[in-house]
PDB file of N, CA and C in Angstrom:
ATOM      1  N   UNK A   1     -24.739  24.071   7.448  1.00  0.00           N
ATOM      2  CA  UNK A   1     -23.783  22.883   6.702  1.00  0.00           C
ATOM      3  C   UNK A   1     -23.251  22.621   8.312  1.00  0.00           C
ATOM      4  N   UNK A   2     -23.044  20.743   8.903  1.00  0.00           N
ATOM      5  CA  UNK A   2     -22.444  20.123   9.894  1.00  0.00           C
ATOM      6  C   UNK A   2     -21.074  20.512  10.197  1.00  0.00           C
ATOM      7  N   UNK A   3     -20.848  20.639  11.803  1.00  0.00           N
ATOM      8  CA  UNK A   3     -19.720  20.434  11.453  1.00  0.00           C
ATOM      9  C   UNK A   3     -18.541  18.254  11.596  1.00  0.00           C
ATOM     10  N   UNK A   4     -17.679  18.613  11.414  1.00  0.00           N
ATOM     11  CA  UNK A   4     -17.860  16.482  11.376  1.00  0.00           C
ATOM     12  C   UNK A   4     -17.216  16.133  12.651  1.00  0.00           C
ATOM     13  N   UNK A   5     -17.376  17.026  13.891  1.00  0.00           N
ATOM     14  CA  UNK A   5     -18.208  16.281  15.204  1.00  0.00           C
ATOM     15  C   UNK A   5     -19.256  15.312  14.822  1.00  0.00           C
ATOM     16  N   UNK A   6     -20.112  16.552  14.473  1.00  0.00           N
ATOM     17  CA  UNK A   6     -21.932  16.168  14.490  1.00  0.00           C
ATOM     18  C   UNK A   6     -21.900  15.691  13.319  1.00  0.00           C
ATOM     19  N   UNK A   7     -21.254  15.097  12.492  1.00  0.00           N
ATOM     20  CA  UNK A   7     -21.558  14.319  10.608  1.00  0.00           C
ATOM     21  C   UNK A   7     -20.757  12.871  11.529  1.00  0.00           C
ATOM     22  N   UNK A   8     -19.598  12.513  12.858  1.00  0.00           N
ATOM     23  CA  UNK A   8     -19.266  11.313  12.417  1.00  0.00           C
ATOM     24  C   UNK A   8     -20.282  10.900  13.837  1.00  0.00           C
ATOM     25  N   UNK A   9     -20.800  11.588  14.986  1.00  0.00           N
ATOM     26  CA  UNK A   9     -21.772  10.918  15.462  1.00  0.00           C
ATOM     27  C   UNK A   9     -23.375  10.712  14.764  1.00  0.00           C
ATOM     28  N   UNK A  10     -23.601  11.326  14.092  1.00  0.00           N
ATOM     29  CA  UNK A  10     -25.213  11.623  13.194  1.00  0.00           C
ATOM     30  C   UNK A  10     -25.374   9.962  12.677  1.00  0.00           C
ATOM     31  N   UNK A  11     -23.750   9.984  11.769  1.00  0.00           N
ATOM     32  CA  UNK A  11     -23.839   8.417  11.149  1.00  0.00           C
ATOM     33  C   UNK A  11     -23.323   7.444  11.637  1.00  0.00           C
ATOM     34  N   UNK A  12     -22.025   7.554  12.713  1.00  0.00           N
ATOM     35  CA  UNK A  12     -21.815   6.228  13.557  1.00  0.00           C
ATOM     36  C   UNK A  12     -22.877   5.986  15.280  1.00  0.00           C
ATOM     37  N   UNK A  13     -23.108   7.133  14.567  1.00  0.00           N
ATOM     38  CA  UNK A  13     -24.409   6.337  16.053  1.00  0.00           C
ATOM     39  C   UNK A  13     -23.629   6.403  17.694  1.00  0.00           C
ATOM     40  N   UNK A  14     -22.403   7.908  17.628  1.00  0.00           N
ATOM     41  CA  UNK A  14     -21.796   7.912  18.583  1.00  0.00           C
ATOM     42  C   UNK A  14     -22.866   8.782  19.557  1.00  0.00           C
ATOM     43  N   UNK A  15     -23.827   9.076  19.515  1.00  0.00           N
ATOM     44  CA  UNK A  15     -24.349   9.862  20.682  1.00  0.00           C
ATOM     45  C   UNK A  15     -25.873   9.094  20.366  1.00  0.00           C
ATOM     46  N   UNK A  16     -27.020  10.384  20.323  1.00  0.00           N
ATOM     47  CA  UNK A  16     -27.838  10.229  20.145  1.00  0.00           C
ATOM     48  C   UNK A  16     -28.066  12.254  19.221  1.00  0.00           C
ATOM     49  N   UNK A  17     -28.619  11.598  18.601  1.00  0.00           N
ATOM     50  CA  UNK A  17     -28.904  13.459  17.890  1.00  0.00           C
ATOM     51  C   UNK A  17     -28.924  14.541  17.725  1.00  0.00           C
ATOM     52  N   UNK A  18     -30.062  14.241  18.410  1.00  0.00           N
ATOM     53  CA  UNK A  18     -30.228  15.656  19.119  1.00  0.00           C
ATOM     54  C   UNK A  18     -28.809  16.177  19.679  1.00  0.00           C
ATOM     55  N   UNK A  19     -28.721  15.113  20.946  1.00  0.00           N
ATOM     56  CA  UNK A  19     -27.866  16.027  21.891  1.00  0.00           C
ATOM     57  C   UNK A  19     -26.560  16.973  21.336  1.00  0.00           C
ATOM     58  N   UNK A  20     -26.252  16.236  20.148  1.00  0.00           N
ATOM     59  CA  UNK A  20     -24.809  16.557  19.390  1.00  0.00           C
ATOM     60  C   UNK A  20     -25.479  17.382  18.099  1.00  0.00           C
ATOM     61  N   UNK A  21     -26.268  17.162  18.226  1.00  0.00           N
ATOM     62  CA  UNK A  21     -26.279  18.604  16.894  1.00  0.00           C
ATOM     63  C   UNK A  21     -27.471  19.718  17.334  1.00  0.00           C
ATOM     64  N   UNK A  22     -27.711  19.834  18.401  1.00  0.00           N
ATOM     65  CA  UNK A  22     -28.476  21.373  19.328  1.00  0.00           C
ATOM     66  C   UNK A  22     -29.455  21.499  18.771  1.00  0.00           C
ATOM     67  N   UNK A  23     -30.336  22.299  19.211  1.00  0.00           N
ATOM     68  CA  UNK A  23     -31.761  23.531  18.167  1.00  0.00           C
ATOM     69  C   UNK A  23     -32.019  23.610  17.529  1.00  0.00           C
ATOM     70  N   UNK A  24     -32.567  22.762  16.375  1.00  0.00           N
ATOM     71  CA  UNK A  24     -33.230  23.375  14.908  1.00  0.00           C
ATOM     72  C   UNK A  24     -31.680  22.257  13.835  1.00  0.00           C
ATOM     73  N   UNK A  25     -31.015  21.523  14.673  1.00  0.00           N
ATOM     74  CA  UNK A  25     -29.615  20.904  13.916  1.00  0.00           C
ATOM     75  C   UNK A  25     -30.971  19.765  13.556  1.00  0.00           C
ATOM     76  N   UNK A  26     -30.796  19.228  12.636  1.00  0.00           N
ATOM     77  CA  UNK A  26     -31.314  18.024  11.506  1.00  0.00           C
ATOM     78  C   UNK A  26     -29.924  16.611  11.730  1.00  0.00           C
ATOM     79  N   UNK A  27     -28.735  16.010  12.295  1.00  0.00           N
ATOM     80  CA  UNK A  27     -27.900  15.675  11.808  1.00  0.00           C
ATOM     81  C   UNK A  27     -27.885  14.879  10.974  1.00  0.00           C
ATOM     82  N   UNK A  28     -28.593  13.778  11.310  1.00  0.00           N
ATOM     83  CA  UNK A  28     -29.146  12.724  10.272  1.00  0.00           C
ATOM     84  C   UNK A  28     -29.367  12.931   8.765  1.00  0.00           C
ATOM     85  N   UNK A  29     -29.968  14.423   8.748  1.00  0.00           N
ATOM     86  CA  UNK A  29     -31.114  14.549   7.644  1.00  0.00           C
ATOM     87  C   UNK A  29     -29.612  14.935   7.048  1.00  0.00           C
ATOM     88  N   UNK A  30     -28.858  15.902   7.800  1.00  0.00           N
ATOM     89  CA  UNK A  30     -27.600  16.483   7.295  1.00  0.00           C
ATOM     90  C   UNK A  30     -26.969  15.169   6.509  1.00  0.00           C
ATOM     91  N   UNK A  31     -26.653  14.573   7.260  1.00  0.00           N
ATOM     92  CA  UNK A  31     -25.665  13.295   6.481  1.00  0.00           C
ATOM     93  C   UNK A  31     -26.140  12.195   5.362  1.00  0.00           C
ATOM     94  N   UNK A  32     -27.061  12.376   5.798  1.00  0.00           N
ATOM     95  CA  UNK A  32     -28.840  12.461   4.807  1.00  0.00           C
ATOM     96  C   UNK A  32     -27.875  12.882   3.291  1.00  0.00           C
ATOM     97  N   UNK A  33     -28.690  14.420   3.552  1.00  0.00           N
ATOM     98  CA  UNK A  33     -27.821  15.598   2.139  1.00  0.00           C
ATOM     99  C   UNK A  33     -26.429  14.556   1.747  1.00  0.00           C
ATOM    100  N   UNK A  34     -25.764  15.205   2.163  1.00  0.00           N
ATOM    101  CA  UNK A  34     -24.620  14.474   2.309  1.00  0.00           C
ATOM    102  C   UNK A  34     -23.796  12.946   1.668  1.00  0.00           C
ATOM    103  N   UNK A  35     -25.130  11.822   1.983  1.00  0.00           N
ATOM    104  CA  UNK A  35     -24.004  10.567   1.473  1.00  0.00           C
ATOM    105  C   UNK A  35     -25.235  10.839  -0.251  1.00  0.00           C
ATOM    106  N   UNK A  36     -26.390  11.383  -0.133  1.00  0.00           N
ATOM    107  CA  UNK A  36     -26.873  12.105  -1.419  1.00  0.00           C
ATOM    108  C   UNK A  36     -26.182  12.479  -2.413  1.00  0.00           C
ATOM    109  N   UNK A  37     -25.100  13.394  -2.062  1.00  0.00           N
ATOM    110  CA  UNK A  37     -24.206  13.944  -2.914  1.00  0.00           C
ATOM    111  C   UNK A  37     -23.712  13.008  -3.026  1.00  0.00           C
ATOM    112  N   UNK A  38     -23.044  12.147  -2.128  1.00  0.00           N
ATOM    113  CA  UNK A  38     -21.667  11.271  -2.384  1.00  0.00           C
ATOM    114  C   UNK A  38     -22.442  10.076  -3.955  1.00  0.00           C
ATOM    115  N   UNK A  39     -24.128   9.908  -3.130  1.00  0.00           N
ATOM    116  CA  UNK A  39     -24.006   8.633  -4.282  1.00  0.00           C
ATOM    117  C   UNK A  39     -24.227  10.070  -5.958  1.00  0.00           C
ATOM    118  N   UNK A  40     -24.730  11.064  -6.030  1.00  0.00           N
ATOM    119  CA  UNK A  40     -25.025  11.438  -7.319  1.00  0.00           C
ATOM    120  C   UNK A  40     -23.617  11.386  -7.754  1.00  0.00           C
ATOM    121  N   UNK A  41     -22.150  11.724  -7.114  1.00  0.00           N
ATOM    122  CA  UNK A  41     -21.371  11.718  -7.601  1.00  0.00           C
ATOM    123  C   UNK A  41     -20.922  10.809  -8.028  1.00  0.00           C
ATOM    124  N   UNK A  42     -21.655   9.417  -8.007  1.00  0.00           N
ATOM    125  CA  UNK A  42     -20.692   8.169  -8.245  1.00  0.00           C
ATOM    126  C   UNK A  42     -19.133   8.029  -7.310  1.00  0.00           C
ATOM    127  N   UNK A  43     -19.072   8.667  -5.909  1.00  0.00           N
ATOM    128  CA  UNK A  43     -18.495   8.078  -5.057  1.00  0.00           C
ATOM    129  C   UNK A  43     -18.415   7.200  -4.081  1.00  0.00           C
ATOM    130  N   UNK A  44     -19.701   6.359  -4.570  1.00  0.00           N
ATOM    131  CA  UNK A  44     -19.467   5.277  -3.495  1.00  0.00           C
ATOM    132  C   UNK A  44     -20.189   4.238  -4.333  1.00  0.00           C
ATOM    133  N   UNK A  45     -20.646   2.678  -3.746  1.00  0.00           N
ATOM    134  CA  UNK A  45     -21.356   1.944  -4.585  1.00  0.00           C
ATOM    135  C   UNK A  45     -22.968   2.274  -3.906  1.00  0.00           C
ATOM    136  N   UNK A  46     -23.590   2.277  -4.836  1.00  0.00           N
ATOM    137  CA  UNK A  46     -25.064   3.120  -5.180  1.00  0.00           C
ATOM    138  C   UNK A  46     -26.028   1.967  -4.713  1.00  0.00           C
ATOM    139  N   UNK A  47     -25.851   0.695  -3.470  1.00  0.00           N
ATOM    140  CA  UNK A  47     -26.631   0.245  -3.692  1.00  0.00           C
ATOM    141  C   UNK A  47     -26.156  -0.358  -2.099  1.00  0.00           C
ATOM    142  N   UNK A  48     -27.002  -0.450  -0.791  1.00  0.00           N
ATOM    143  CA  UNK A  48     -27.270  -0.725   0.113  1.00  0.00           C
ATOM    144  C   UNK A  48     -26.306  -1.873   0.708  1.00  0.00           C
ATOM    145  N   UNK A  49     -26.443  -2.766  -0.294  1.00  0.00           N
ATOM    146  CA  UNK A  49     -25.744  -4.702  -0.266  1.00  0.00           C
ATOM    147  C   UNK A  49     -24.271  -4.293  -0.066  1.00  0.00           C
ATOM    148  N   UNK A  50     -24.013  -3.158  -1.429  1.00  0.00           N
ATOM    149  CA  UNK A  50     -22.533  -2.667  -1.593  1.00  0.00           C
ATOM    150  C   UNK A  50     -21.972  -2.314  -0.768  1.00  0.00           C
ATOM    151  N   UNK A  51     -22.253  -1.370  -0.110  1.00  0.00           N
ATOM    152  CA  UNK A  51     -21.598  -0.427   1.053  1.00  0.00           C
ATOM    153  C   UNK A  51     -22.188  -1.426   2.394  1.00  0.00           C
ATOM    154  N   UNK A  52     -22.702  -2.206   3.045  1.00  0.00           N
ATOM    155  CA  UNK A  52     -22.344  -3.092   3.516  1.00  0.00           C
ATOM    156  C   UNK A  52     -21.382  -3.717   3.618  1.00  0.00           C
ATOM    157  N   UNK A  53     -21.769  -4.570   2.108  1.00  0.00           N
ATOM    158  CA  UNK A  53     -19.773  -5.452   2.443  1.00  0.00           C
ATOM    159  C   UNK A  53     -18.491  -4.520   2.080  1.00  0.00           C
ATOM    160  N   UNK A  54     -18.671  -3.005   1.100  1.00  0.00           N
ATOM    161  CA  UNK A  54     -17.174  -2.567   1.628  1.00  0.00           C
ATOM    162  C   UNK A  54     -17.608  -1.672   2.445  1.00  0.00           C
ATOM    163  N   UNK A  55     -18.151  -1.813   3.534  1.00  0.00           N
ATOM    164  CA  UNK A  55     -17.708  -1.624   4.908  1.00  0.00           C
ATOM    165  C   UNK A  55     -18.039  -2.627   6.102  1.00  0.00           C
ATOM    166  N   UNK A  56     -18.783  -3.730   5.651  1.00  0.00           N
ATOM    167  CA  UNK A  56     -18.018  -4.956   5.983  1.00  0.00           C
ATOM    168  C   UNK A  56     -19.048  -5.330   6.911  1.00  0.00           C
ATOM    169  N   UNK A  57     -20.149  -4.284   7.386  1.00  0.00           N
ATOM    170  CA  UNK A  57     -21.643  -5.171   8.054  1.00  0.00           C
ATOM    171  C   UNK A  57     -22.165  -5.881   7.103  1.00  0.00           C
ATOM    172  N   UNK A  58     -22.142  -6.855   7.837  1.00  0.00           N
ATOM    173  CA  UNK A  58     -23.584  -7.748   7.995  1.00  0.00           C
ATOM    174  C   UNK A  58     -24.864  -6.799   7.482  1.00  0.00           C
ATOM    175  N   UNK A  59     -25.568  -7.635   7.217  1.00  0.00           N
ATOM    176  CA  UNK A  59     -27.324  -7.354   7.441  1.00  0.00           C
ATOM    177  C   UNK A  59     -27.877  -6.990   8.918  1.00  0.00           C
ATOM    178  N   UNK A  60     -27.123  -7.090   9.978  1.00  0.00           N
ATOM    179  CA  UNK A  60     -27.709  -6.858  10.672  1.00  0.00           C
ATOM    180  C   UNK A  60     -26.937  -5.783  11.646  1.00  0.00           C
ATOM    181  N   UNK A  61     -26.191  -5.782  11.477  1.00  0.00           N
ATOM    182  CA  UNK A  61     -25.090  -5.306  12.193  1.00  0.00           C
ATOM    183  C   UNK A  61     -25.152  -3.470  11.626  1.00  0.00           C
ATOM    184  N   UNK A  62     -25.270  -3.083  12.552  1.00  0.00           N
ATOM    185  CA  UNK A  62     -25.164  -1.101  12.849  1.00  0.00           C
ATOM    186  C   UNK A  62     -23.892  -0.595  13.079  1.00  0.00           C
ATOM    187  N   UNK A  63     -23.681   0.203  12.386  1.00  0.00           N
ATOM    188  CA  UNK A  63     -22.666   1.276  12.485  1.00  0.00           C
ATOM    189  C   UNK A  63     -22.620   1.688  14.016  1.00  0.00           C
ATOM    190  N   UNK A  64     -21.362   1.872  14.538  1.00  0.00           N
ATOM    191  CA  UNK A  64     -21.335   3.031  16.248  1.00  0.00           C
ATOM    192  C   UNK A  64     -19.906   2.963  15.601  1.00  0.00           C
ATOM    193  N   UNK A  65     -19.690   3.996  16.891  1.00  0.00           N
ATOM    194  CA  UNK A  65     -18.220   4.644  16.657  1.00  0.00           C
ATOM    195  C   UNK A  65     -17.957   3.927  17.533  1.00  0.00           C
ATOM    196  N   UNK A  66     -17.049   3.915  16.797  1.00  0.00           N
ATOM    197  CA  UNK A  66     -15.367   2.199  18.247  1.00  0.00           C
ATOM    198  C   UNK A  66     -14.440   2.864  17.576  1.00  0.00           C
ATOM    199  N   UNK A  67     -13.562   2.134  17.653  1.00  0.00           N
ATOM    200  CA  UNK A  67     -11.149   2.221  17.171  1.00  0.00           C
ATOM    201  C   UNK A  67     -12.078   1.677  15.663  1.00  0.00           C
ATOM    202  N   UNK A  68     -12.733   0.761  15.169  1.00  0.00           N
ATOM    203  CA  UNK A  68     -12.490   0.900  14.665  1.00  0.00           C
ATOM    204  C   UNK A  68     -12.971   1.389  13.326  1.00  0.00           C
ATOM    205  N   UNK A  69     -13.847   2.080  13.281  1.00  0.00           N
ATOM    206  CA  UNK A  69     -13.568   3.495  12.175  1.00  0.00           C
ATOM    207  C   UNK A  69     -13.376   3.671  12.718  1.00  0.00           C
ATOM    208  N   UNK A  70     -12.565   5.189  13.788  1.00  0.00           N
ATOM    209  CA  UNK A  70     -12.151   5.568  13.587  1.00  0.00           C
ATOM    210  C   UNK A  70      -9.769   5.145  12.636  1.00  0.00           C
ATOM    211  N   UNK A  71      -9.951   3.502  13.395  1.00  0.00           N
ATOM    212  CA  UNK A  71      -8.528   3.316  12.114  1.00  0.00           C
ATOM    213  C   UNK A  71      -9.261   3.168  10.856  1.00  0.00           C
ATOM    214  N   UNK A  72     -10.424   3.123  10.670  1.00  0.00           N
ATOM    215  CA  UNK A  72     -10.741   3.174   9.475  1.00  0.00           C
ATOM    216  C   UNK A  72     -10.381   4.396   8.722  1.00  0.00           C
ATOM    217  N   UNK A  73     -11.759   5.775   8.761  1.00  0.00           N
ATOM    218  CA  UNK A  73     -11.361   6.305   8.510  1.00  0.00           C
ATOM    219  C   UNK A  73      -9.707   7.127   8.735  1.00  0.00           C
ATOM    220  N   UNK A  74      -8.732   6.524   9.951  1.00  0.00           N
ATOM    221  CA  UNK A  74      -7.978   7.484  10.197  1.00  0.00           C
ATOM    222  C   UNK A  74      -6.851   6.860   8.875  1.00  0.00           C
ATOM    223  N   UNK A  75      -6.795   5.147   8.493  1.00  0.00           N
ATOM    224  CA  UNK A  75      -6.192   4.706   7.050  1.00  0.00           C
ATOM    225  C   UNK A  75      -6.547   5.292   5.508  1.00  0.00           C
ATOM    226  N   UNK A  76      -8.189   5.862   5.386  1.00  0.00           N
ATOM    227  CA  UNK A  76      -8.185   6.309   4.489  1.00  0.00           C
ATOM    228  C   UNK A  76      -7.576   7.802   3.873  1.00  0.00           C
ATOM    229  N   UNK A  77      -7.622   8.751   4.779  1.00  0.00           N
ATOM    230  CA  UNK A  77      -6.874   9.831   4.981  1.00  0.00           C
ATOM    231  C   UNK A  77      -4.987   9.576   4.148  1.00  0.00           C
ATOM    232  N   UNK A  78      -5.096   9.009   4.975  1.00  0.00           N
ATOM    233  CA  UNK A  78      -3.160   8.290   5.416  1.00  0.00           C
ATOM    234  C   UNK A  78      -2.810   7.702   4.074  1.00  0.00           C
ATOM    235  N   UNK A  79      -4.065   6.719   3.707  1.00  0.00           N
ATOM    236  CA  UNK A  79      -3.819   6.064   2.057  1.00  0.00           C
ATOM    237  C   UNK A  79      -4.549   7.085   1.121  1.00  0.00           C
ATOM    238  N   UNK A  80      -4.433   8.149   1.095  1.00  0.00           N
ATOM    239  CA  UNK A  80      -5.488   8.681   0.461  1.00  0.00           C
ATOM    240  C   UNK A  80      -6.671   8.190  -0.539  1.00  0.00           C
ATOM    241  N   UNK A  81      -6.986   8.078   0.521  1.00  0.00           N
ATOM    242  CA  UNK A  81      -8.764   7.573  -0.615  1.00  0.00           C
ATOM    243  C   UNK A  81      -9.304   7.938   0.533  1.00  0.00           C
ATOM    244  N   UNK A  82      -9.374   9.144  -0.233  1.00  0.00           N
ATOM    245  CA  UNK A  82     -10.897  10.666   0.073  1.00  0.00           C
ATOM    246  C   UNK A  82     -11.753  10.734  -1.184  1.00  0.00           C
ATOM    247  N   UNK A  83     -12.558  11.274  -0.771  1.00  0.00           N
ATOM    248  CA  UNK A  83     -13.251  11.658  -2.598  1.00  0.00           C
ATOM    249  C   UNK A  83     -13.949  13.308  -1.196  1.00  0.00           C
ATOM    250  N   UNK A  84     -14.001  13.957  -2.610  1.00  0.00           N
ATOM    251  CA  UNK A  84     -14.174  15.552  -2.527  1.00  0.00           C
ATOM    252  C   UNK A  84     -15.370  15.795  -2.837  1.00  0.00           C
ATOM    253  N   UNK A  85     -16.979  15.592  -2.245  1.00  0.00           N
ATOM    254  CA  UNK A  85     -18.063  16.150  -2.551  1.00  0.00           C
ATOM    255  C   UNK A  85     -18.694  17.317  -2.128  1.00  0.00           C
ATOM    256  N   UNK A  86     -19.650  18.057  -2.707  1.00  0.00           N
ATOM    257  CA  UNK A  86     -19.520  19.368  -2.564  1.00  0.00           C
ATOM    258  C   UNK A  86     -18.673  19.620  -2.035  1.00  0.00           C
ATOM    259  N   UNK A  87     -18.760  20.352  -0.855  1.00  0.00           N
ATOM    260  CA  UNK A  87     -17.471  21.228   0.617  1.00  0.00           C
ATOM    261  C   UNK A  87     -17.103  20.724   1.044  1.00  0.00           C
ATOM    262  N   UNK A  88     -16.894  18.994   0.870  1.00  0.00           N
ATOM    263  CA  UNK A  88     -16.463  18.487   2.062  1.00  0.00           C
ATOM    264  C   UNK A  88     -15.464  17.621   1.601  1.00  0.00           C
ATOM    265  N   UNK A  89     -14.411  17.195   1.992  1.00  0.00           N
ATOM    266  CA  UNK A  89     -13.863  16.683   0.928  1.00  0.00           C
ATOM    267  C   UNK A  89     -13.777  14.973   2.787  1.00  0.00           C
ATOM    268  N   UNK A  90     -13.792  14.032   2.050  1.00  0.00           N
ATOM    269  CA  UNK A  90     -14.268  12.794   3.141  1.00  0.00           C
ATOM    270  C   UNK A  90     -13.031  11.234   2.915  1.00  0.00           C
ATOM    271  N   UNK A  91     -13.087  11.147   3.850  1.00  0.00           N
ATOM    272  CA  UNK A  91     -12.338   9.474   3.706  1.00  0.00           C
ATOM    273  C   UNK A  91     -14.353   8.588   2.468  1.00  0.00           C
ATOM    274  N   UNK A  92     -13.313   7.960   2.366  1.00  0.00           N
ATOM    275  CA  UNK A  92     -14.205   6.991   1.546  1.00  0.00           C
ATOM    276  C   UNK A  92     -15.218   5.963   2.810  1.00  0.00           C
ATOM    277  N   UNK A  93     -14.849   6.172   3.983  1.00  0.00           N
ATOM    278  CA  UNK A  93     -15.601   5.210   4.838  1.00  0.00           C
ATOM    279  C   UNK A  93     -16.259   6.808   5.569  1.00  0.00           C
ATOM    280  N   UNK A  94     -16.034   7.652   5.434  1.00  0.00           N
ATOM    281  CA  UNK A  94     -17.200   8.807   5.899  1.00  0.00           C
ATOM    282  C   UNK A  94     -18.310   9.057   5.011  1.00  0.00           C
ATOM    283  N   UNK A  95     -17.776   8.372   3.319  1.00  0.00           N
ATOM    284  CA  UNK A  95     -18.826   8.987   2.587  1.00  0.00           C
ATOM    285  C   UNK A  95     -19.204   7.413   2.061  1.00  0.00           C
ATOM    286  N   UNK A  96     -19.025   6.213   2.587  1.00  0.00           N
ATOM    287  CA  UNK A  96     -20.018   5.637   2.193  1.00  0.00           C
ATOM    288  C   UNK A  96     -20.789   5.197   3.632  1.00  0.00           C
ATOM    289  N   UNK A  97     -20.029   6.060   4.772  1.00  0.00           N
ATOM    290  CA  UNK A  97     -21.361   5.722   5.675  1.00  0.00           C
ATOM    291  C   UNK A  97     -22.061   6.699   5.173  1.00  0.00           C
ATOM    292  N   UNK A  98     -22.177   8.099   4.608  1.00  0.00           N
ATOM    293  CA  UNK A  98     -23.403   8.533   4.530  1.00  0.00           C
ATOM    294  C   UNK A  98     -24.151   8.364   3.354  1.00  0.00           C
ATOM    295  N   UNK A  99     -24.084   7.608   2.376  1.00  0.00           N
ATOM    296  CA  UNK A  99     -24.662   7.162   1.231  1.00  0.00           C
ATOM    297  C   UNK A  99     -25.247   6.060   1.743  1.00  0.00           C
ATOM    298  N   UNK A 100     -24.582   5.303   2.802  1.00  0.00           N
ATOM    299  CA  UNK A 100     -25.537   4.540   3.368  1.00  0.00           C
ATOM    300  C   UNK A 100     -26.693   4.967   4.394  1.00  0.00           C
ATOM    301  N   UNK A 101     -26.608   6.305   5.151  1.00  0.00           N
ATOM    302  CA  UNK A 101     -27.683   6.754   5.572  1.00  0.00           C
ATOM    303  C   UNK A 101     -28.576   7.349   5.064  1.00  0.00           C
ATOM    304  N   UNK A 102     -28.112   7.497   3.845  1.00  0.00           N
ATOM    305  CA  UNK A 102     -29.384   8.189   2.733  1.00  0.00           C
ATOM    306  C   UNK A 102     -30.029   7.073   2.690  1.00  0.00           C
ATOM    307  N   UNK A 103     -29.292   5.984   1.912  1.00  0.00           N
ATOM    308  CA  UNK A 103     -29.756   5.371   1.245  1.00  0.00           C
ATOM    309  C   UNK A 103     -31.361   4.191   2.170  1.00  0.00           C
ATOM    310  N   UNK A 104     -30.929   4.639   3.968  1.00  0.00           N
ATOM    311  CA  UNK A 104     -31.170   3.793   4.850  1.00  0.00           C
ATOM    312  C   UNK A 104     -32.474   4.811   5.557  1.00  0.00           C
ATOM    313  N   UNK A 105     -32.916   5.536   5.258  1.00  0.00           N
ATOM    314  CA  UNK A 105     -33.584   7.011   4.930  1.00  0.00           C
ATOM    315  C   UNK A 105     -34.107   7.044   3.837  1.00  0.00           C
ATOM    316  N   UNK A 106     -33.967   5.636   2.967  1.00  0.00           N
ATOM    317  CA  UNK A 106     -35.111   5.691   1.670  1.00  0.00           C
ATOM    318  C   UNK A 106     -34.750   7.236   0.650  1.00  0.00           C
ATOM    319  N   UNK A 107     -33.484   7.854   0.866  1.00  0.00           N
ATOM    320  CA  UNK A 107     -32.928   9.154   0.237  1.00  0.00           C
ATOM    321  C   UNK A 107     -32.319   9.230  -0.777  1.00  0.00           C
ATOM    322  N   UNK A 108     -31.846   8.313  -1.813  1.00  0.00           N
ATOM    323  CA  UNK A 108     -31.274   7.730  -2.554  1.00  0.00           C
ATOM    324  C   UNK A 108     -30.724   8.979  -3.635  1.00  0.00           C
ATOM    325  N   UNK A 109     -30.074   9.083  -4.155  1.00  0.00           N
ATOM    326  CA  UNK A 109     -29.811   9.992  -5.409  1.00  0.00           C
ATOM    327  C   UNK A 109     -30.926   9.605  -6.559  1.00  0.00           C
TER     328      UNK A 109
END
């Protein structure tokens, strides 16, 4: 299982996945696996268009780790907008981002 730093980098594109995941780790695959679990649990919108809309992304926008995402994630935790999926406690924004990674990878629920 990946740690939160690797998860955020993979999902939000903060750094090349290989650089943060380390040898033998595939952070994008881990994020997609978490995303599939989020989708199976019904913890986020089930389609890419709905997820992008909920995240405020248009069809051409790419998620990147900047103050906006960190603020949204902090606000989710502060507001109690969290989801429990497998052994993860995720901010709703994190869950949606993972689900979008899963759908983008063709790895839906």
